[in-house]
Amino acid sequence: MDRNRSSDIYENSEDKVSWECEYANWEKPRNARNINEQEPQHSGDDTARRRCSIWSTVCVALLCVLLLSGVIVLSVKLNNTTSERDQLQISFDNMTAERDQLLAEKDGFQMLNISILQCQQYFITTEKKSWRDARLYCSSRGADLVIINSREEQVFISKLFKGAEAWIGLTDTVEEGKWKWVSGTELATGFWWDGEPNDFNNEEDCAVTSSKFAKAEVMTWADYPCNLHALAICKMNAN
């Protein structure tokens, strides 16, 4: 090998190595600068992410606060509505009770008026008379001996006159055993005491109520002699 050529090769080699070193030294700062330039970029992204995370947390917190406030408001309104409903129910119950009381009082007044009217229709003689004289007494006052058409009327008369033994408008003087009212209608339902009527000694043809011999409250009729003196119950004529 030519020495000069070898020397050139060596020199070229040294020049190449030197150039590569300079290139490497030039690239290194450049790469370092790029890295340094990129680091702030990554730091900015992290900051943005943190800011977004904070704002998201704040928004969620605000939303939770709003929802909680809404729940509280709805709960208060619900409690107020429930309380108002209970008050209305109480008022309604009180009004219903008052209405029922008023209706009961109205019915009581109506019954009282009916009782007063009924009491005004009946009266009892103050003196004892025969059955015929008692009827004449009733007739002179626009009435007649009472006709009892129902059990309720029988109870009413008994209570009204406190169980006084008195003539009623019932007799079988026309035909024995065939009892008729003073209106001429035959007796349909009677309230005779046990063993009555018995026509004792064939002379008992007129009826009394609340016989002193009866031991019951309703079944108190008995037949007496028509000339016997007793009180009498009269009832005003309808006209």
Foldseek 3Di string as FASTA:
>chain_A
DDPVVVVVVVVVVVVVVVVVVVVVVVVVVVVVVVVVVVVVVVVVVVVVVVVVVVVVVVVVVVVVVVVVVVVVVVVVVVVVVVVVVVVVVVVVVVVVVVVVVVVVVVVVVVVVVVLVVQLVQKDKDPWWFFLVVQQVVLVVVQWGFADDDDLVSLLSVCVSVVLFKAFGQWWCVPHPPFIDGPVGHTDDDALAAPPPAPCVVVAFTTKIASDPPHPDNRSGIYTDHRRDIGMTMIGHDPD
